[in-house]
Amino acid sequence: MAALLSRSILLRISNVFGVVTLAGVVSVSPRPFAAEQAPAMPAWLSAHVGEGDDQIAEPVLRRARALYLQKVREGVVKNSCYFAMDATRPNDLDSGKPAHRFYVICEPQQTFRAISAGHGSGLDLPGVADFTNGRECAKNFGNALDSKLTAGGAYVTSEATASFKGYYRVSPGQDAALVRTFLPFDGEGDTANARQRAIGGHAAVVLRGVCLMKKPGSSYANHDGYVPHGTLVDYSGGRSDGCTSWSPSDAADIIAMTKDDPTTLYIYPEASDINAVAKAVAARHAPSGDGLYWNGSCLGEIGSPKFWPQATLGPAIAQYRKDHPPPPPRPAPICNQQ
């Protein structure tokens, strides 16, 4: 019965697109709901528009700027800076260094900063659907619960919270506590379930190989005097579980900027952009001919993008989890302390 249900779900959510290799960056008209209300873009900011690593594609900037100005008019934000991300860009430069596709824009100060950021890894559910993403370019996007996919659209930052993850070794005989801060995003439209999905931003650091270390003097110790201890891994520029991840230093800057002062984040592409580009590719049209934007190098790598909506993928994931319950978590072993 479970197999028949899985095949039924697969038929509902599967979609096949034609593949074509395209080069260059194409253009798209900005969203009319806010673009027509936005004042002219200042010359200093226009100078940052382009295809380079430290530049931003014009449609992404126009939408991000329009969202910010709209939320300022509504009194939702007062921050002098706003954020944008272009998830159609590659994750790495040819040199192997993380590419820049997250943008911090402060118009009163006339500052523009481009930094690296990770995209959602997605999942492979055997017998149901494979919506994984490689490290370099994102092909799959979506807003389904537990999908680990990036969802493009409008967000507003909320109040950050810090949580203790464990200790890690910084030098012989010396450990440091990893306290990672999470910046929640509140969305609207396709991103309205961001809170339910636990979507936000944080530093791209995690502890691996965790064991329990005896440290009764620590304020983080459990009732038996143990704390988690592991190896610190920095995955800056890598993939995330659907959140936006930054390098530790960039994360500290962004979280400080939004402390008690929320602002907007616009992530491109949205579902409508993804579906339109996929349709153009399937028809073997150049997306630019239909007024659409996608980074050329990534479109050439992925062939065609796909959006997986909560309405179809969410139930599929829930059913898969029901049919394939994960094993109970094993307690962390006791560390072999030296």
Foldseek 3Di string as FASTA:
>chain_A
DLLVVLLVLQVVQDDDFAFDAFADWFFFDADPVQLVVDDDDDPLLVVQDDDDLRHHDVNQVSNFRSLQVVCVVVVNFDFQKTKEFEQLAWQADPVRHGTWGIWIARVVVSDIGTFGKAFFQFAAQPSHDGLGQDLTHHFEAELAAQGSGAAFFKKKKDAKDKDWQFWEDPDVPDIDTDIKIWIQIDGDDRCNCSVVNVATEIAQKHFPLWAWEQAQPDPQADPVRTTIYGHIDHPASGHGSHYIHHHHVVRVVVNVSCHVGMGMYGYDDHQVLQVQQSVCLRVVHDVSVVNGTGHNVSCSVNRGHHYGYNVSVNVSVVSSCVVPPDDPDDHHHHDPDD
